[in-house]
Amino acid sequence: MSAWFIASLALLIGMVPLLIVLERTDTVSRLIALETLTVMTALVLLTLAEAFGRSFYAMLALILALTSVVGSPVYARFLERYL
């Protein structure tokens, strides 16, 4: 078990409180938790890419980061319109 794999497990365990926030809080807090989960998921993919030596996971992390940059304003605009 490498340090990269242990780091990815720690990030996955750190996602549990954010999942609880997504389940139980108000809309704005859910949006913040969702964006934080997106960043953490990209970090998990990057650490797994290093742990397993596969560049495909790194490409997935890059695609996730790019789509989250585009998706954040869409969520914010939707919430602004309906709140």
N, C-alpha and C. Protein backbone atom coordinates (compact mmCIF):
# COMPACT_ATOMS: atom_id res chain seq x y z
N MET A 1 0.85 -1.17 0.00
CA MET A 1 0.00 0.00 0.00
C MET A 1 0.90 1.24 0.00
N SER A 2 0.73 2.07 -1.00
CA SER A 2 1.58 3.25 -1.12
C SER A 2 0.96 4.45 -0.39
N ALA A 3 1.77 5.49 -0.26
CA ALA A 3 1.29 6.70 0.40
C ALA A 3 0.19 7.36 -0.42
N TRP A 4 0.26 7.25 -1.74
CA TRP A 4 -0.78 7.82 -2.60
C TRP A 4 -2.12 7.14 -2.36
N PHE A 5 -2.08 5.83 -2.19
CA PHE A 5 -3.31 5.08 -1.96
C PHE A 5 -3.91 5.44 -0.60
N ILE A 6 -3.06 5.59 0.40
CA ILE A 6 -3.54 5.99 1.73
C ILE A 6 -4.12 7.40 1.69
N ALA A 7 -3.50 8.28 0.91
CA ALA A 7 -4.03 9.65 0.77
C ALA A 7 -5.41 9.63 0.11
N SER A 8 -5.58 8.78 -0.89
CA SER A 8 -6.90 8.72 -1.55
C SER A 8 -7.96 8.15 -0.61
N LEU A 9 -7.58 7.19 0.23
CA LEU A 9 -8.54 6.67 1.21
C LEU A 9 -8.91 7.74 2.24
N ALA A 10 -7.94 8.54 2.65
CA ALA A 10 -8.22 9.61 3.60
C ALA A 10 -9.16 10.65 2.99
N LEU A 11 -8.97 10.95 1.72
CA LEU A 11 -9.87 11.89 1.05
C LEU A 11 -11.28 11.32 0.94
N LEU A 12 -11.38 10.03 0.66
CA LEU A 12 -12.70 9.40 0.58
C LEU A 12 -13.40 9.40 1.92
N ILE A 13 -12.66 9.16 3.00
CA ILE A 13 -13.27 9.21 4.33
C ILE A 13 -13.69 10.64 4.67
N GLY A 14 -12.92 11.61 4.20
CA GLY A 14 -13.25 13.01 4.43
C GLY A 14 -14.49 13.47 3.69
N MET A 15 -14.95 12.70 2.73
CA MET A 15 -16.16 13.06 1.99
C MET A 15 -17.44 12.74 2.75
N VAL A 16 -17.36 11.90 3.76
CA VAL A 16 -18.57 11.48 4.48
C VAL A 16 -19.31 12.65 5.11
N PRO A 17 -18.64 13.58 5.82
CA PRO A 17 -19.40 14.71 6.38
C PRO A 17 -20.06 15.58 5.30
N LEU A 18 -19.42 15.69 4.15
CA LEU A 18 -20.02 16.47 3.06
C LEU A 18 -21.27 15.79 2.53
N LEU A 19 -21.27 14.48 2.50
CA LEU A 19 -22.47 13.76 2.07
C LEU A 19 -23.61 13.96 3.06
N ILE A 20 -23.28 14.06 4.34
CA ILE A 20 -24.31 14.34 5.35
C ILE A 20 -24.86 15.75 5.16
N VAL A 21 -23.99 16.70 4.84
CA VAL A 21 -24.44 18.08 4.56
C VAL A 21 -25.37 18.09 3.36
N LEU A 22 -25.04 17.32 2.33
CA LEU A 22 -25.91 17.25 1.14
C LEU A 22 -27.29 16.70 1.49
N GLU A 23 -27.35 15.85 2.48
CA GLU A 23 -28.61 15.22 2.84
C GLU A 23 -29.49 16.11 3.71
N ARG A 24 -28.89 16.93 4.58
CA ARG A 24 -29.69 17.51 5.65
C ARG A 24 -29.79 19.03 5.72
N THR A 25 -29.06 19.78 4.91
CA THR A 25 -29.04 21.23 5.13
C THR A 25 -29.79 22.00 4.05
N ASP A 26 -29.63 23.31 4.10
CA ASP A 26 -30.34 24.17 3.15
C ASP A 26 -29.65 24.17 1.78
N THR A 27 -30.23 24.87 0.83
CA THR A 27 -29.82 24.79 -0.56
C THR A 27 -28.43 25.36 -0.80
N VAL A 28 -28.13 26.49 -0.20
CA VAL A 28 -26.83 27.12 -0.42
C VAL A 28 -25.72 26.24 0.15
N SER A 29 -25.94 25.68 1.32
CA SER A 29 -24.94 24.78 1.91
C SER A 29 -24.77 23.53 1.07
N ARG A 30 -25.83 23.07 0.47
CA ARG A 30 -25.72 21.91 -0.42
C ARG A 30 -24.87 22.23 -1.64
N LEU A 31 -25.02 23.41 -2.18
CA LEU A 31 -24.22 23.80 -3.34
C LEU A 31 -22.74 23.87 -2.98
N ILE A 32 -22.43 24.44 -1.84
CA ILE A 32 -21.04 24.52 -1.40
C ILE A 32 -20.47 23.13 -1.16
N ALA A 33 -21.26 22.26 -0.54
CA ALA A 33 -20.80 20.88 -0.30
C ALA A 33 -20.60 20.14 -1.62
N LEU A 34 -21.47 20.38 -2.58
CA LEU A 34 -21.32 19.72 -3.88
C LEU A 34 -20.05 20.17 -4.59
N GLU A 35 -19.75 21.45 -4.53
CA GLU A 35 -18.53 21.95 -5.16
C GLU A 35 -17.28 21.42 -4.44
N THR A 36 -17.34 21.33 -3.13
CA THR A 36 -16.22 20.77 -2.38
C THR A 36 -16.04 19.29 -2.70
N LEU A 37 -17.13 18.57 -2.83
CA LEU A 37 -17.05 17.16 -3.22
C LEU A 37 -16.45 16.99 -4.61
N THR A 38 -16.75 17.90 -5.50
CA THR A 38 -16.18 17.82 -6.84
C THR A 38 -14.66 17.99 -6.80
N VAL A 39 -14.20 18.95 -6.01
CA VAL A 39 -12.76 19.15 -5.88
C VAL A 39 -12.11 17.94 -5.24
N MET A 40 -12.73 17.40 -4.20
CA MET A 40 -12.16 16.24 -3.53
C MET A 40 -12.15 15.01 -4.43
N THR A 41 -13.16 14.86 -5.26
CA THR A 41 -13.20 13.74 -6.20
C THR A 41 -12.08 13.85 -7.22
N ALA A 42 -11.82 15.05 -7.69
CA ALA A 42 -10.70 15.25 -8.62
C ALA A 42 -9.38 14.92 -7.93
N LEU A 43 -9.24 15.30 -6.67
CA LEU A 43 -8.02 14.97 -5.94
C LEU A 43 -7.88 13.46 -5.72
N VAL A 44 -8.99 12.79 -5.45
CA VAL A 44 -8.95 11.32 -5.31
C VAL A 44 -8.51 10.68 -6.62
N LEU A 45 -9.04 11.16 -7.73
CA LEU A 45 -8.64 10.61 -9.02
C LEU A 45 -7.16 10.84 -9.30
N LEU A 46 -6.65 12.01 -8.92
CA LEU A 46 -5.23 12.29 -9.12
C LEU A 46 -4.35 11.40 -8.24
N THR A 47 -4.74 11.21 -6.98
CA THR A 47 -3.95 10.35 -6.11
C THR A 47 -4.01 8.89 -6.56
N LEU A 48 -5.16 8.46 -7.06
CA LEU A 48 -5.25 7.09 -7.57
C LEU A 48 -4.44 6.92 -8.86
N ALA A 49 -4.37 7.97 -9.66
CA ALA A 49 -3.54 7.91 -10.87
C ALA A 49 -2.08 7.69 -10.50
N GLU A 50 -1.63 8.37 -9.45
CA GLU A 50 -0.25 8.17 -9.00
C GLU A 50 -0.07 6.82 -8.33
N ALA A 51 -1.07 6.38 -7.56
CA ALA A 51 -0.95 5.12 -6.83
C ALA A 51 -0.89 3.93 -7.79
N PHE A 52 -1.70 3.94 -8.82
CA PHE A 52 -1.76 2.80 -9.74
C PHE A 52 -0.93 3.00 -11.00
N GLY A 53 -0.39 4.20 -11.18
CA GLY A 53 0.44 4.46 -12.35
C GLY A 53 -0.35 4.50 -13.65
N ARG A 54 -1.56 4.99 -13.60
CA ARG A 54 -2.42 5.07 -14.79
C ARG A 54 -2.74 6.53 -15.08
N SER A 55 -2.44 6.95 -16.27
CA SER A 55 -2.70 8.34 -16.62
C SER A 55 -4.17 8.59 -16.95
N PHE A 56 -4.93 7.53 -17.17
CA PHE A 56 -6.35 7.69 -17.50
C PHE A 56 -7.10 8.37 -16.35
N TYR A 57 -6.76 8.04 -15.10
CA TYR A 57 -7.41 8.67 -13.96
C TYR A 57 -7.09 10.16 -13.89
N ALA A 58 -5.90 10.52 -14.28
CA ALA A 58 -5.53 11.93 -14.29
C ALA A 58 -6.33 12.69 -15.35
N MET A 59 -6.55 12.06 -16.49
CA MET A 59 -7.38 12.70 -17.52
C MET A 59 -8.81 12.86 -17.04
N LEU A 60 -9.33 11.87 -16.31
CA LEU A 60 -10.67 11.99 -15.74
C LEU A 60 -10.74 13.15 -14.75
N ALA A 61 -9.71 13.30 -13.94
CA ALA A 61 -9.68 14.41 -12.98
C ALA A 61 -9.67 15.75 -13.71
N LEU A 62 -8.93 15.84 -14.80
CA LEU A 62 -8.89 17.08 -15.58
C LEU A 62 -10.26 17.38 -16.18
N ILE A 63 -10.92 16.39 -16.73
CA ILE A 63 -12.25 16.58 -17.32
C ILE A 63 -13.25 16.99 -16.24
N LEU A 64 -13.16 16.35 -15.07
CA LEU A 64 -14.05 16.71 -13.96
C LEU A 64 -13.82 18.14 -13.52
N ALA A 65 -12.58 18.56 -13.44
CA ALA A 65 -12.28 19.94 -13.03
C ALA A 65 -12.83 20.94 -14.04
N LEU A 66 -12.67 20.65 -15.32
CA LEU A 66 -13.17 21.57 -16.35
C LEU A 66 -14.69 21.66 -16.35
N THR A 67 -15.36 20.53 -16.21
CA THR A 67 -16.82 20.56 -16.20
C THR A 67 -17.37 21.18 -14.93
N SER A 68 -16.64 21.09 -13.82
CA SER A 68 -17.14 21.72 -12.61
C SER A 68 -17.00 23.24 -12.69
N VAL A 69 -15.98 23.72 -13.39
CA VAL A 69 -15.84 25.17 -13.60
C VAL A 69 -17.01 25.70 -14.40
N VAL A 70 -17.46 24.95 -15.38
CA VAL A 70 -18.60 25.36 -16.19
C VAL A 70 -19.91 25.16 -15.43
N GLY A 71 -19.99 24.12 -14.64
CA GLY A 71 -21.23 23.80 -13.94
C GLY A 71 -21.55 24.70 -12.77
N SER A 72 -20.54 25.24 -12.12
CA SER A 72 -20.77 26.09 -10.94
C SER A 72 -21.61 27.33 -11.25
N PRO A 73 -21.29 28.09 -12.31
CA PRO A 73 -22.15 29.24 -12.61
C PRO A 73 -23.57 28.85 -12.99
N VAL A 74 -23.73 27.69 -13.58
CA VAL A 74 -25.08 27.24 -13.94
C VAL A 74 -25.90 27.00 -12.69
N TYR A 75 -25.31 26.30 -11.71
CA TYR A 75 -26.01 26.09 -10.44
C TYR A 75 -26.30 27.41 -9.75
N ALA A 76 -25.34 28.31 -9.71
CA ALA A 76 -25.53 29.59 -9.03
C ALA A 76 -26.63 30.41 -9.71
N ARG A 77 -26.64 30.40 -11.02
CA ARG A 77 -27.68 31.16 -11.73
C ARG A 77 -29.06 30.55 -11.50
N PHE A 78 -29.13 29.23 -11.48
CA PHE A 78 -30.40 28.55 -11.20
C PHE A 78 -30.89 28.89 -9.81
N LEU A 79 -30.00 28.86 -8.81
CA LEU A 79 -30.39 29.16 -7.45
C LEU A 79 -30.79 30.63 -7.29
N GLU A 80 -30.09 31.52 -8.01
CA GLU A 80 -30.41 32.95 -7.94
C GLU A 80 -31.81 33.21 -8.47
N ARG A 81 -32.19 32.49 -9.51
CA ARG A 81 -33.49 32.69 -10.14
C ARG A 81 -34.62 32.18 -9.26
N TYR A 82 -34.41 31.06 -8.56
CA TYR A 82 -35.51 30.42 -7.85
C TYR A 82 -35.48 30.60 -6.35
N LEU A 83 -34.52 31.33 -5.83
CA LEU A 83 -34.51 31.58 -4.38
C LEU A 83 -34.92 32.96 -4.04
